[in-house]
Amino acid sequence: MPITRDDVLAVLADPLLSRMNFSIGEIFVNAREYGKVAEYIRDGDIGVIPGKDPVAYYDGRLNTIETQQGNGPLGLADRAQILHECTHAIADINALAVPRLNDEVAGYLAQLTYMHLANPGPFPASAKGAGPLGRLVVAMGEVIQKYSLHQPTGLGVSISDLDIWKLATDVHRMPLYARIKLSDMGNPKSRGVPVKNNQMRALRAALTQGRRQTHTYTPSPRIAIF
């Protein structure tokens, strides 16, 4: 069977998420925010579409998560990839005005922190001889270690603007992201996630968005970390 809505909800219910709590600018990566994504999925405000490509994809214009090609039970790399896309949904649900590359930084940090929590081990020691993706993975690992994102002492930390900028630059070096400027805020026609099926959540979302700048989201190119 293809990867389905229930598989995505299972990832969002993983107890490991309670051990993740950090922020990249205005984007908060924690179990509470992933719980909001799960609410939107359960109520049908974010759709889940079984996909046929090697990697998953969040579309902020259509408010859908297209899962990657594959079958259950999901391995760690598949679960982490889905979590990356759900991290984009966090920014979209909260109508955050964030640069697209910073949104990718949040997605990759969440993806790799989750993978390390699930399977602890040594981080890559050097990016020497590695391609853009390998260098990005090393840079992300260095930030995870610097802020102890994989340890209880790192709960609640905020990544500095300088480190966010450095990681965004590393993302930009990858060919799939090379055309995205560091200042690119995305398509202004894409604004948050409409709430259709839950009046209390619709009110909460309206109050939240009324206090924030509007997030403008353009879907990013797909890439997988295996």
N, C-alpha and C. Protein backbone atom coordinates (compact mmCIF):
# COMPACT_ATOMS: atom_id res chain seq x y z
N MET A 1 0.83 -1.19 0.00
CA MET A 1 0.00 0.00 0.00
C MET A 1 0.87 1.25 0.00
N PRO A 2 0.43 2.33 -0.64
CA PRO A 2 1.20 3.57 -0.62
C PRO A 2 1.17 4.21 0.77
N ILE A 3 2.03 5.19 0.96
CA ILE A 3 2.06 5.93 2.22
C ILE A 3 0.82 6.82 2.29
N THR A 4 0.12 6.75 3.40
CA THR A 4 -1.20 7.38 3.49
C THR A 4 -1.29 8.41 4.61
N ARG A 5 -2.47 8.98 4.72
CA ARG A 5 -2.79 9.93 5.79
C ARG A 5 -2.51 9.32 7.16
N ASP A 6 -2.89 8.07 7.36
CA ASP A 6 -2.66 7.44 8.66
C ASP A 6 -1.17 7.32 8.97
N ASP A 7 -0.36 7.09 7.94
CA ASP A 7 1.09 7.02 8.16
C ASP A 7 1.63 8.39 8.60
N VAL A 8 1.13 9.45 7.98
CA VAL A 8 1.57 10.80 8.35
C VAL A 8 1.15 11.11 9.78
N LEU A 9 -0.08 10.77 10.14
CA LEU A 9 -0.54 11.01 11.50
C LEU A 9 0.26 10.19 12.52
N ALA A 10 0.68 9.00 12.12
CA ALA A 10 1.51 8.19 13.02
C ALA A 10 2.86 8.86 13.28
N VAL A 11 3.44 9.46 12.25
CA VAL A 11 4.70 10.20 12.44
C VAL A 11 4.48 11.36 13.41
N LEU A 12 3.38 12.09 13.23
CA LEU A 12 3.10 13.25 14.08
C LEU A 12 2.75 12.86 15.51
N ALA A 13 2.43 11.60 15.73
CA ALA A 13 2.14 11.11 17.08
C ALA A 13 3.33 10.43 17.73
N ASP A 14 4.47 10.41 17.07
CA ASP A 14 5.66 9.74 17.60
C ASP A 14 6.09 10.39 18.91
N PRO A 15 6.24 9.63 19.98
CA PRO A 15 6.69 10.21 21.26
C PRO A 15 8.03 10.92 21.18
N LEU A 16 8.84 10.58 20.19
CA LEU A 16 10.14 11.27 20.05
C LEU A 16 9.98 12.77 19.86
N LEU A 17 8.85 13.19 19.32
CA LEU A 17 8.66 14.63 19.08
C LEU A 17 8.63 15.42 20.38
N SER A 18 8.30 14.77 21.49
CA SER A 18 8.32 15.47 22.78
C SER A 18 9.73 15.83 23.20
N ARG A 19 10.71 15.26 22.52
CA ARG A 19 12.11 15.55 22.83
C ARG A 19 12.71 16.57 21.87
N MET A 20 11.87 17.17 21.04
CA MET A 20 12.30 18.22 20.12
C MET A 20 11.60 19.52 20.50
N ASN A 21 12.37 20.56 20.73
CA ASN A 21 11.78 21.86 21.07
C ASN A 21 12.81 22.95 20.83
N PHE A 22 12.76 23.55 19.66
CA PHE A 22 13.68 24.62 19.32
C PHE A 22 13.00 25.54 18.32
N SER A 23 13.60 26.71 18.11
CA SER A 23 13.00 27.67 17.18
C SER A 23 14.04 28.18 16.19
N ILE A 24 13.55 28.41 14.98
CA ILE A 24 14.32 29.03 13.90
C ILE A 24 13.58 30.30 13.55
N GLY A 25 14.02 31.42 14.13
CA GLY A 25 13.25 32.64 13.98
C GLY A 25 11.87 32.44 14.59
N GLU A 26 10.83 32.70 13.81
CA GLU A 26 9.46 32.58 14.29
C GLU A 26 8.92 31.16 14.20
N ILE A 27 9.66 30.25 13.61
CA ILE A 27 9.18 28.88 13.44
C ILE A 27 9.55 28.06 14.67
N PHE A 28 8.55 27.57 15.38
CA PHE A 28 8.77 26.74 16.55
C PHE A 28 8.58 25.27 16.17
N VAL A 29 9.60 24.48 16.44
CA VAL A 29 9.60 23.05 16.12
C VAL A 29 9.44 22.30 17.42
N ASN A 30 8.24 21.81 17.68
CA ASN A 30 7.98 21.07 18.91
C ASN A 30 6.72 20.25 18.76
N ALA A 31 6.44 19.41 19.77
CA ALA A 31 5.31 18.51 19.69
C ALA A 31 3.99 19.26 19.62
N ARG A 32 3.90 20.39 20.29
CA ARG A 32 2.65 21.16 20.25
C ARG A 32 2.33 21.61 18.83
N GLU A 33 3.33 22.12 18.13
CA GLU A 33 3.10 22.61 16.76
C GLU A 33 2.80 21.44 15.82
N TYR A 34 3.49 20.33 15.99
CA TYR A 34 3.17 19.16 15.16
C TYR A 34 1.77 18.63 15.48
N GLY A 35 1.35 18.80 16.73
CA GLY A 35 0.00 18.42 17.08
C GLY A 35 -1.03 19.26 16.34
N LYS A 36 -0.73 20.53 16.13
CA LYS A 36 -1.63 21.39 15.35
C LYS A 36 -1.71 20.91 13.91
N VAL A 37 -0.57 20.51 13.35
CA VAL A 37 -0.57 19.97 11.98
C VAL A 37 -1.47 18.74 11.92
N ALA A 38 -1.36 17.87 12.93
CA ALA A 38 -2.20 16.67 12.96
C ALA A 38 -3.68 17.04 13.01
N GLU A 39 -4.03 18.07 13.78
CA GLU A 39 -5.42 18.53 13.84
C GLU A 39 -5.91 18.94 12.46
N TYR A 40 -5.11 19.71 11.76
CA TYR A 40 -5.50 20.19 10.44
C TYR A 40 -5.69 19.01 9.48
N ILE A 41 -4.83 18.00 9.62
CA ILE A 41 -4.96 16.82 8.75
C ILE A 41 -6.22 16.04 9.11
N ARG A 42 -6.44 15.81 10.38
CA ARG A 42 -7.63 15.04 10.79
C ARG A 42 -8.92 15.71 10.38
N ASP A 43 -8.94 17.06 10.42
CA ASP A 43 -10.16 17.79 10.07
C ASP A 43 -10.29 18.02 8.56
N GLY A 44 -9.28 17.60 7.79
CA GLY A 44 -9.36 17.74 6.34
C GLY A 44 -8.94 19.09 5.80
N ASP A 45 -8.39 19.96 6.66
CA ASP A 45 -7.95 21.27 6.19
C ASP A 45 -6.58 21.19 5.51
N ILE A 46 -5.78 20.20 5.88
CA ILE A 46 -4.58 19.84 5.12
C ILE A 46 -4.81 18.43 4.60
N GLY A 47 -4.73 18.28 3.29
CA GLY A 47 -4.93 16.97 2.69
C GLY A 47 -3.64 16.18 2.61
N VAL A 48 -3.77 14.88 2.53
CA VAL A 48 -2.63 13.99 2.33
C VAL A 48 -2.89 13.16 1.09
N ILE A 49 -1.95 13.24 0.14
CA ILE A 49 -2.08 12.55 -1.15
C ILE A 49 -0.94 11.54 -1.28
N PRO A 50 -1.24 10.28 -1.49
CA PRO A 50 -0.16 9.31 -1.75
C PRO A 50 0.59 9.68 -3.03
N GLY A 51 1.90 9.79 -2.96
CA GLY A 51 2.69 10.24 -4.11
C GLY A 51 3.43 9.11 -4.80
N LYS A 52 4.02 9.45 -5.94
CA LYS A 52 4.74 8.48 -6.74
C LYS A 52 6.21 8.88 -6.95
N ASP A 53 6.61 10.02 -6.35
CA ASP A 53 8.00 10.47 -6.47
C ASP A 53 8.83 9.98 -5.29
N PRO A 54 10.15 10.01 -5.40
CA PRO A 54 11.00 9.49 -4.32
C PRO A 54 10.92 10.29 -3.03
N VAL A 55 10.48 11.55 -3.10
CA VAL A 55 10.46 12.39 -1.90
C VAL A 55 9.08 12.99 -1.69
N ALA A 56 8.79 13.33 -0.43
CA ALA A 56 7.51 13.95 -0.08
C ALA A 56 7.55 15.43 -0.40
N TYR A 57 6.38 16.08 -0.30
CA TYR A 57 6.25 17.46 -0.78
C TYR A 57 5.07 18.14 -0.09
N TYR A 58 5.32 19.29 0.53
CA TYR A 58 4.22 20.10 1.07
C TYR A 58 3.92 21.22 0.10
N ASP A 59 2.65 21.35 -0.31
CA ASP A 59 2.22 22.40 -1.22
C ASP A 59 1.39 23.41 -0.44
N GLY A 60 1.96 24.59 -0.22
CA GLY A 60 1.28 25.62 0.56
C GLY A 60 0.16 26.30 -0.18
N ARG A 61 0.11 26.16 -1.50
CA ARG A 61 -1.01 26.74 -2.25
C ARG A 61 -2.24 25.86 -2.15
N LEU A 62 -2.03 24.55 -2.22
CA LEU A 62 -3.13 23.60 -2.17
C LEU A 62 -3.36 23.05 -0.76
N ASN A 63 -2.44 23.39 0.16
CA ASN A 63 -2.52 22.89 1.54
C ASN A 63 -2.60 21.37 1.56
N THR A 64 -1.63 20.75 0.92
CA THR A 64 -1.57 19.29 0.86
C THR A 64 -0.15 18.80 1.12
N ILE A 65 -0.08 17.62 1.70
CA ILE A 65 1.18 16.89 1.81
C ILE A 65 1.09 15.72 0.84
N GLU A 66 1.98 15.72 -0.13
CA GLU A 66 2.07 14.58 -1.03
C GLU A 66 3.19 13.68 -0.51
N THR A 67 2.84 12.48 -0.10
CA THR A 67 3.84 11.58 0.47
C THR A 67 4.76 11.05 -0.62
N GLN A 68 5.90 10.56 -0.20
CA GLN A 68 6.83 9.97 -1.14
C GLN A 68 6.37 8.57 -1.55
N GLN A 69 6.96 8.07 -2.61
CA GLN A 69 6.67 6.71 -3.06
C GLN A 69 7.16 5.73 -2.00
N GLY A 70 6.40 4.71 -1.75
CA GLY A 70 6.84 3.71 -0.79
C GLY A 70 5.68 2.97 -0.18
N ASN A 71 5.99 2.04 0.68
CA ASN A 71 5.00 1.21 1.35
C ASN A 71 5.36 1.10 2.83
N GLY A 72 4.32 0.88 3.64
CA GLY A 72 4.56 0.68 5.05
C GLY A 72 5.07 -0.72 5.34
N PRO A 73 5.61 -0.96 6.51
CA PRO A 73 5.88 0.05 7.54
C PRO A 73 7.03 0.97 7.15
N LEU A 74 6.94 2.21 7.59
CA LEU A 74 7.92 3.22 7.16
C LEU A 74 9.23 3.08 7.93
N GLY A 75 10.33 3.22 7.21
CA GLY A 75 11.64 3.28 7.83
C GLY A 75 11.91 4.67 8.37
N LEU A 76 13.02 4.81 9.08
CA LEU A 76 13.35 6.09 9.71
C LEU A 76 13.49 7.21 8.69
N ALA A 77 14.18 6.95 7.57
CA ALA A 77 14.37 8.00 6.57
C ALA A 77 13.04 8.48 6.02
N ASP A 78 12.09 7.57 5.80
CA ASP A 78 10.77 7.97 5.30
C ASP A 78 10.02 8.80 6.33
N ARG A 79 10.06 8.38 7.59
CA ARG A 79 9.36 9.13 8.64
C ARG A 79 9.96 10.53 8.78
N ALA A 80 11.29 10.62 8.73
CA ALA A 80 11.95 11.91 8.88
C ALA A 80 11.63 12.83 7.71
N GLN A 81 11.51 12.26 6.52
CA GLN A 81 11.17 13.07 5.35
C GLN A 81 9.76 13.65 5.47
N ILE A 82 8.84 12.84 5.96
CA ILE A 82 7.48 13.33 6.19
C ILE A 82 7.49 14.43 7.25
N LEU A 83 8.30 14.27 8.30
CA LEU A 83 8.38 15.30 9.33
C LEU A 83 8.91 16.61 8.76
N HIS A 84 9.86 16.53 7.84
CA HIS A 84 10.37 17.73 7.17
C HIS A 84 9.23 18.50 6.53
N GLU A 85 8.38 17.81 5.79
CA GLU A 85 7.27 18.48 5.11
C GLU A 85 6.24 19.00 6.10
N CYS A 86 6.02 18.28 7.19
CA CYS A 86 5.09 18.76 8.22
C CYS A 86 5.63 20.01 8.90
N THR A 87 6.95 20.18 8.91
CA THR A 87 7.54 21.40 9.47
C THR A 87 7.20 22.60 8.60
N HIS A 88 7.15 22.41 7.28
CA HIS A 88 6.69 23.50 6.41
C HIS A 88 5.23 23.85 6.73
N ALA A 89 4.44 22.84 7.06
CA ALA A 89 3.04 23.09 7.40
C ALA A 89 2.92 23.93 8.67
N ILE A 90 3.88 23.78 9.62
CA ILE A 90 3.85 24.61 10.83
C ILE A 90 3.91 26.08 10.45
N ALA A 91 4.85 26.45 9.59
CA ALA A 91 4.97 27.84 9.18
C ALA A 91 3.72 28.32 8.46
N ASP A 92 3.15 27.46 7.64
CA ASP A 92 1.97 27.84 6.87
C ASP A 92 0.76 28.02 7.77
N ILE A 93 0.52 27.07 8.67
CA ILE A 93 -0.62 27.16 9.58
C ILE A 93 -0.57 28.43 10.41
N ASN A 94 0.62 28.81 10.86
CA ASN A 94 0.78 29.98 11.70
C ASN A 94 0.91 31.28 10.92
N ALA A 95 0.78 31.20 9.59
CA ALA A 95 0.83 32.39 8.72
C ALA A 95 2.07 33.23 8.98
N LEU A 96 3.22 32.58 9.01
CA LEU A 96 4.46 33.26 9.32
C LEU A 96 5.10 33.85 8.07
N ALA A 97 5.58 35.07 8.19
CA ALA A 97 6.33 35.70 7.10
C ALA A 97 7.80 35.35 7.30
N VAL A 98 8.24 34.27 6.68
CA VAL A 98 9.61 33.82 6.84
C VAL A 98 10.23 33.60 5.46
N PRO A 99 11.53 33.86 5.33
CA PRO A 99 12.19 33.56 4.05
C PRO A 99 12.07 32.08 3.72
N ARG A 100 11.93 31.77 2.45
CA ARG A 100 11.77 30.38 2.02
C ARG A 100 12.95 29.50 2.45
N LEU A 101 14.15 30.04 2.35
CA LEU A 101 15.31 29.24 2.71
C LEU A 101 15.37 29.01 4.22
N ASN A 102 14.90 29.96 5.02
CA ASN A 102 14.83 29.73 6.47
C ASN A 102 13.83 28.61 6.78
N ASP A 103 12.74 28.57 6.01
CA ASP A 103 11.77 27.49 6.17
C ASP A 103 12.41 26.14 5.87
N GLU A 104 13.27 26.12 4.86
CA GLU A 104 14.00 24.88 4.55
C GLU A 104 14.98 24.53 5.67
N VAL A 105 15.62 25.53 6.24
CA VAL A 105 16.51 25.28 7.37
C VAL A 105 15.74 24.59 8.49
N ALA A 106 14.55 25.09 8.79
CA ALA A 106 13.73 24.48 9.84
C ALA A 106 13.39 23.04 9.49
N GLY A 107 13.03 22.80 8.23
CA GLY A 107 12.69 21.45 7.81
C GLY A 107 13.85 20.49 7.93
N TYR A 108 15.03 20.89 7.48
CA TYR A 108 16.19 20.01 7.55
C TYR A 108 16.66 19.79 9.00
N LEU A 109 16.61 20.85 9.82
CA LEU A 109 17.01 20.68 11.21
C LEU A 109 16.06 19.71 11.93
N ALA A 110 14.77 19.84 11.66
CA ALA A 110 13.81 18.93 12.26
C ALA A 110 14.05 17.50 11.77
N GLN A 111 14.26 17.35 10.48
CA GLN A 111 14.47 16.03 9.88
C GLN A 111 15.68 15.33 10.47
N LEU A 112 16.79 16.05 10.56
CA LEU A 112 18.03 15.43 11.02
C LEU A 112 18.07 15.26 12.54
N THR A 113 17.45 16.19 13.28
CA THR A 113 17.37 16.01 14.73
C THR A 113 16.54 14.78 15.06
N TYR A 114 15.42 14.63 14.37
CA TYR A 114 14.56 13.47 14.57
C TYR A 114 15.31 12.17 14.27
N MET A 115 16.05 12.16 13.17
CA MET A 115 16.80 10.96 12.81
C MET A 115 17.84 10.63 13.87
N HIS A 116 18.49 11.66 14.42
CA HIS A 116 19.52 11.38 15.42
C HIS A 116 18.89 10.93 16.73
N LEU A 117 17.73 11.47 17.09
CA LEU A 117 17.06 11.01 18.30
C LEU A 117 16.64 9.55 18.17
N ALA A 118 16.18 9.18 16.97
CA ALA A 118 15.72 7.82 16.75
C ALA A 118 16.88 6.83 16.64
N ASN A 119 18.00 7.31 16.16
CA ASN A 119 19.15 6.42 15.93
C ASN A 119 20.43 7.15 16.30
N PRO A 120 20.70 7.32 17.59
CA PRO A 120 21.88 8.08 18.02
C PRO A 120 23.17 7.46 17.48
N GLY A 121 24.09 8.31 17.18
CA GLY A 121 25.38 7.86 16.67
C GLY A 121 26.25 9.06 16.39
N PRO A 122 27.46 8.82 15.95
CA PRO A 122 28.37 9.94 15.67
C PRO A 122 27.89 10.78 14.50
N PHE A 123 28.13 12.08 14.60
CA PHE A 123 27.81 12.98 13.50
C PHE A 123 28.95 12.94 12.48
N PRO A 124 28.66 13.26 11.21
CA PRO A 124 29.75 13.34 10.23
C PRO A 124 30.82 14.32 10.69
N ALA A 125 32.06 13.91 10.62
CA ALA A 125 33.15 14.71 11.18
C ALA A 125 33.63 15.80 10.24
N SER A 126 33.46 15.60 8.94
CA SER A 126 34.04 16.54 7.99
C SER A 126 33.23 16.53 6.70
N ALA A 127 33.20 17.70 6.04
CA ALA A 127 32.54 17.82 4.74
C ALA A 127 33.55 17.76 3.61
N LYS A 128 34.80 17.46 3.93
CA LYS A 128 35.85 17.44 2.91
C LYS A 128 35.51 16.42 1.82
N GLY A 129 35.49 16.89 0.59
CA GLY A 129 35.20 16.03 -0.54
C GLY A 129 33.73 15.77 -0.78
N ALA A 130 32.86 16.29 0.09
CA ALA A 130 31.42 16.05 -0.05
C ALA A 130 30.81 17.03 -1.03
N GLY A 131 29.68 16.64 -1.61
CA GLY A 131 28.92 17.52 -2.47
C GLY A 131 28.07 18.47 -1.65
N PRO A 132 27.24 19.29 -2.30
CA PRO A 132 26.43 20.27 -1.57
C PRO A 132 25.53 19.64 -0.51
N LEU A 133 24.90 18.49 -0.82
CA LEU A 133 24.03 17.85 0.16
C LEU A 133 24.83 17.34 1.35
N GLY A 134 25.99 16.73 1.08
CA GLY A 134 26.83 16.25 2.17
C GLY A 134 27.31 17.38 3.06
N ARG A 135 27.67 18.51 2.44
CA ARG A 135 28.12 19.67 3.23
C ARG A 135 26.96 20.22 4.07
N LEU A 136 25.76 20.20 3.51
CA LEU A 136 24.59 20.66 4.26
C LEU A 136 24.34 19.76 5.47
N VAL A 137 24.43 18.45 5.27
CA VAL A 137 24.20 17.51 6.38
C VAL A 137 25.23 17.73 7.49
N VAL A 138 26.49 17.95 7.11
CA VAL A 138 27.52 18.21 8.11
C VAL A 138 27.24 19.51 8.86
N ALA A 139 26.86 20.55 8.12
CA ALA A 139 26.58 21.85 8.75
C ALA A 139 25.38 21.75 9.70
N MET A 140 24.34 21.01 9.29
CA MET A 140 23.19 20.82 10.16
C MET A 140 23.59 20.06 11.42
N GLY A 141 24.43 19.03 11.25
CA GLY A 141 24.89 18.27 12.40
C GLY A 141 25.67 19.13 13.38
N GLU A 142 26.47 20.04 12.86
CA GLU A 142 27.25 20.92 13.74
C GLU A 142 26.33 21.82 14.56
N VAL A 143 25.26 22.30 13.93
CA VAL A 143 24.31 23.16 14.67
C VAL A 143 23.53 22.33 15.69
N ILE A 144 23.13 21.12 15.32
CA ILE A 144 22.43 20.25 16.27
C ILE A 144 23.29 20.04 17.52
N GLN A 145 24.60 19.80 17.30
CA GLN A 145 25.50 19.60 18.43
C GLN A 145 25.74 20.89 19.20
N LYS A 146 25.92 21.99 18.50
CA LYS A 146 26.19 23.28 19.15
C LYS A 146 25.08 23.66 20.11
N TYR A 147 23.83 23.44 19.70
CA TYR A 147 22.69 23.84 20.52
C TYR A 147 22.10 22.66 21.31
N SER A 148 22.72 21.50 21.21
CA SER A 148 22.24 20.29 21.91
C SER A 148 20.78 20.01 21.61
N LEU A 149 20.41 20.11 20.34
CA LEU A 149 19.01 19.90 19.96
C LEU A 149 18.57 18.46 20.20
N HIS A 150 19.52 17.56 20.31
CA HIS A 150 19.22 16.15 20.53
C HIS A 150 19.36 15.75 22.00
N GLN A 151 19.51 16.75 22.88
CA GLN A 151 19.70 16.49 24.31
C GLN A 151 18.67 17.29 25.12
N PRO A 152 18.35 16.84 26.33
CA PRO A 152 17.42 17.60 27.17
C PRO A 152 17.87 19.03 27.42
N THR A 153 19.19 19.27 27.46
CA THR A 153 19.69 20.62 27.71
C THR A 153 19.39 21.57 26.57
N GLY A 154 19.02 21.04 25.42
CA GLY A 154 18.72 21.89 24.27
C GLY A 154 17.26 22.24 24.12
N LEU A 155 16.42 21.74 25.00
CA LEU A 155 14.99 22.00 24.88
C LEU A 155 14.69 23.48 25.07
N GLY A 156 13.98 24.07 24.11
CA GLY A 156 13.57 25.47 24.21
C GLY A 156 14.56 26.47 23.65
N VAL A 157 15.66 26.01 23.04
CA VAL A 157 16.66 26.95 22.54
C VAL A 157 16.21 27.61 21.24
N SER A 158 16.78 28.78 20.98
CA SER A 158 16.54 29.50 19.73
C SER A 158 17.85 29.53 18.94
N ILE A 159 17.78 29.17 17.67
CA ILE A 159 18.97 29.22 16.81
C ILE A 159 19.25 30.68 16.48
N SER A 160 20.50 31.08 16.57
CA SER A 160 20.84 32.49 16.33
C SER A 160 20.60 32.87 14.87
N ASP A 161 20.37 34.16 14.65
CA ASP A 161 20.17 34.66 13.29
C ASP A 161 21.39 34.35 12.41
N LEU A 162 22.58 34.45 12.99
CA LEU A 162 23.79 34.18 12.21
C LEU A 162 23.83 32.72 11.77
N ASP A 163 23.53 31.80 12.67
CA ASP A 163 23.55 30.39 12.30
C ASP A 163 22.44 30.05 11.32
N ILE A 164 21.29 30.69 11.46
CA ILE A 164 20.22 30.49 10.47
C ILE A 164 20.69 30.96 9.10
N TRP A 165 21.32 32.12 9.06
CA TRP A 165 21.81 32.65 7.79
C TRP A 165 22.86 31.73 7.18
N LYS A 166 23.77 31.21 8.00
CA LYS A 166 24.80 30.30 7.47
C LYS A 166 24.17 29.04 6.89
N LEU A 167 23.18 28.48 7.60
CA LEU A 167 22.52 27.27 7.10
C LEU A 167 21.70 27.57 5.85
N ALA A 168 21.05 28.73 5.82
CA ALA A 168 20.31 29.12 4.62
C ALA A 168 21.24 29.24 3.43
N THR A 169 22.44 29.74 3.67
CA THR A 169 23.44 29.84 2.59
C THR A 169 23.85 28.46 2.13
N ASP A 170 24.00 27.52 3.05
CA ASP A 170 24.33 26.13 2.68
C ASP A 170 23.20 25.51 1.85
N VAL A 171 21.95 25.77 2.23
CA VAL A 171 20.82 25.27 1.44
C VAL A 171 20.85 25.89 0.04
N HIS A 172 21.13 27.19 -0.02
CA HIS A 172 21.16 27.91 -1.30
C HIS A 172 22.21 27.35 -2.25
N ARG A 173 23.28 26.77 -1.72
CA ARG A 173 24.35 26.22 -2.57
C ARG A 173 23.92 24.95 -3.29
N MET A 174 22.86 24.34 -2.82
CA MET A 174 22.38 23.13 -3.49
C MET A 174 21.68 23.51 -4.78
N PRO A 175 21.94 22.79 -5.87
CA PRO A 175 21.38 23.18 -7.17
C PRO A 175 19.87 23.38 -7.18
N LEU A 176 19.13 22.55 -6.44
CA LEU A 176 17.67 22.67 -6.45
C LEU A 176 17.16 23.95 -5.81
N TYR A 177 18.00 24.56 -4.95
CA TYR A 177 17.59 25.79 -4.27
C TYR A 177 18.35 27.01 -4.77
N ALA A 178 19.19 26.84 -5.77
CA ALA A 178 20.11 27.90 -6.17
C ALA A 178 19.39 29.15 -6.68
N ARG A 179 18.20 28.98 -7.22
CA ARG A 179 17.47 30.13 -7.76
C ARG A 179 16.64 30.87 -6.71
N ILE A 180 16.61 30.35 -5.51
CA ILE A 180 15.86 31.01 -4.44
C ILE A 180 16.80 31.98 -3.72
N LYS A 181 16.43 33.25 -3.71
CA LYS A 181 17.25 34.25 -3.04
C LYS A 181 17.07 34.14 -1.52
N LEU A 182 18.11 34.56 -0.79
CA LEU A 182 18.04 34.52 0.65
C LEU A 182 16.90 35.38 1.19
N SER A 183 16.50 36.39 0.43
CA SER A 183 15.43 37.29 0.87
C SER A 183 14.06 36.90 0.34
N ASP A 184 13.98 35.84 -0.44
CA ASP A 184 12.72 35.45 -1.09
C ASP A 184 11.71 34.99 -0.05
N MET A 185 10.56 35.68 0.00
CA MET A 185 9.51 35.34 0.97
C MET A 185 8.40 34.50 0.33
N GLY A 186 8.51 34.20 -0.95
CA GLY A 186 7.53 33.32 -1.57
C GLY A 186 6.37 34.04 -2.24
N ASN A 187 5.42 33.25 -2.66
CA ASN A 187 4.28 33.73 -3.43
C ASN A 187 3.25 34.40 -2.52
N PRO A 188 2.95 35.70 -2.75
CA PRO A 188 2.00 36.40 -1.87
C PRO A 188 0.57 35.90 -1.98
N LYS A 189 0.26 35.07 -2.97
CA LYS A 189 -1.10 34.56 -3.12
C LYS A 189 -1.37 33.37 -2.19
N SER A 190 -0.31 32.86 -1.60
CA SER A 190 -0.47 31.72 -0.69
C SER A 190 -0.37 32.22 0.74
N ARG A 191 -1.48 32.17 1.46
CA ARG A 191 -1.53 32.80 2.79
C ARG A 191 -2.18 31.87 3.79
N GLY A 192 -1.41 31.15 4.53
CA GLY A 192 -1.93 30.33 5.61
C GLY A 192 -2.77 29.15 5.13
N VAL A 193 -3.46 28.53 6.07
CA VAL A 193 -4.29 27.36 5.79
C VAL A 193 -5.72 27.67 6.22
N PRO A 194 -6.66 27.78 5.28
CA PRO A 194 -8.05 28.05 5.67
C PRO A 194 -8.61 26.93 6.55
N VAL A 195 -9.39 27.31 7.55
CA VAL A 195 -10.02 26.34 8.44
C VAL A 195 -11.48 26.21 8.05
N LYS A 196 -11.88 25.00 7.66
CA LYS A 196 -13.25 24.80 7.17
C LYS A 196 -14.12 24.03 8.16
N ASN A 197 -13.51 23.19 8.98
CA ASN A 197 -14.30 22.18 9.67
C ASN A 197 -14.26 22.23 11.19
N ASN A 198 -13.70 23.29 11.77
CA ASN A 198 -13.60 23.35 13.22
C ASN A 198 -13.70 24.82 13.63
N GLN A 199 -14.84 25.23 14.16
CA GLN A 199 -15.08 26.64 14.44
C GLN A 199 -14.15 27.19 15.50
N MET A 200 -13.90 26.40 16.56
CA MET A 200 -13.01 26.88 17.61
C MET A 200 -11.59 27.06 17.08
N ARG A 201 -11.15 26.13 16.25
CA ARG A 201 -9.80 26.26 15.68
C ARG A 201 -9.74 27.40 14.68
N ALA A 202 -10.83 27.63 13.96
CA ALA A 202 -10.88 28.75 13.02
C ALA A 202 -10.74 30.07 13.77
N LEU A 203 -11.41 30.18 14.92
CA LEU A 203 -11.30 31.40 15.72
C LEU A 203 -9.89 31.57 16.25
N ARG A 204 -9.30 30.47 16.75
CA ARG A 204 -7.94 30.52 17.27
C ARG A 204 -6.96 30.93 16.17
N ALA A 205 -7.14 30.37 14.98
CA ALA A 205 -6.26 30.70 13.86
C ALA A 205 -6.40 32.17 13.47
N ALA A 206 -7.63 32.68 13.46
CA ALA A 206 -7.85 34.08 13.09
C ALA A 206 -7.19 35.01 14.10
N LEU A 207 -7.31 34.70 15.38
CA LEU A 207 -6.68 35.53 16.40
C LEU A 207 -5.16 35.48 16.29
N THR A 208 -4.63 34.29 16.04
CA THR A 208 -3.18 34.15 15.90
C THR A 208 -2.67 34.92 14.70
N GLN A 209 -3.34 34.76 13.57
CA GLN A 209 -2.88 35.42 12.34
C GLN A 209 -3.06 36.93 12.42
N GLY A 210 -4.04 37.37 13.21
CA GLY A 210 -4.23 38.80 13.36
C GLY A 210 -3.10 39.47 14.09
N ARG A 211 -2.34 38.69 14.86
CA ARG A 211 -1.20 39.24 15.61
C ARG A 211 0.11 39.07 14.86
N ARG A 212 0.08 38.41 13.71
CA ARG A 212 1.32 38.11 12.99
C ARG A 212 1.29 38.74 11.61
N GLN A 213 2.49 38.86 11.01
CA GLN A 213 2.55 39.14 9.60
C GLN A 213 2.08 37.91 8.84
N THR A 214 1.60 38.11 7.62
CA THR A 214 1.10 36.98 6.85
C THR A 214 2.25 36.21 6.24
N HIS A 215 2.21 34.90 6.39
CA HIS A 215 3.22 34.02 5.79
C HIS A 215 2.89 33.81 4.32
N THR A 216 3.88 33.95 3.48
CA THR A 216 3.68 33.71 2.05
C THR A 216 4.55 32.54 1.65
N TYR A 217 3.91 31.49 1.19
CA TYR A 217 4.62 30.22 1.00
C TYR A 217 4.58 29.80 -0.45
N THR A 218 5.75 29.48 -0.99
CA THR A 218 5.86 28.89 -2.31
C THR A 218 6.49 27.52 -2.16
N PRO A 219 5.89 26.48 -2.74
CA PRO A 219 6.48 25.15 -2.59
C PRO A 219 7.94 25.12 -3.02
N SER A 220 8.76 24.43 -2.27
CA SER A 220 10.19 24.33 -2.55
C SER A 220 10.51 23.08 -3.34
N PRO A 221 11.66 23.06 -4.00
CA PRO A 221 12.05 21.84 -4.72
C PRO A 221 12.17 20.66 -3.76
N ARG A 222 12.02 19.49 -4.31
CA ARG A 222 12.08 18.27 -3.50
C ARG A 222 13.51 17.75 -3.43
N ILE A 223 13.87 17.27 -2.25
CA ILE A 223 15.16 16.61 -2.10
C ILE A 223 15.08 15.70 -0.90
N ALA A 224 15.75 14.58 -0.98
CA ALA A 224 15.69 13.60 0.09
C ALA A 224 17.05 13.43 0.73
N ILE A 225 17.04 13.11 2.03
CA ILE A 225 18.25 12.70 2.75
C ILE A 225 18.06 11.25 3.14
N PHE A 226 18.96 10.43 2.74
CA PHE A 226 18.85 9.01 3.04
C PHE A 226 19.96 8.60 4.00
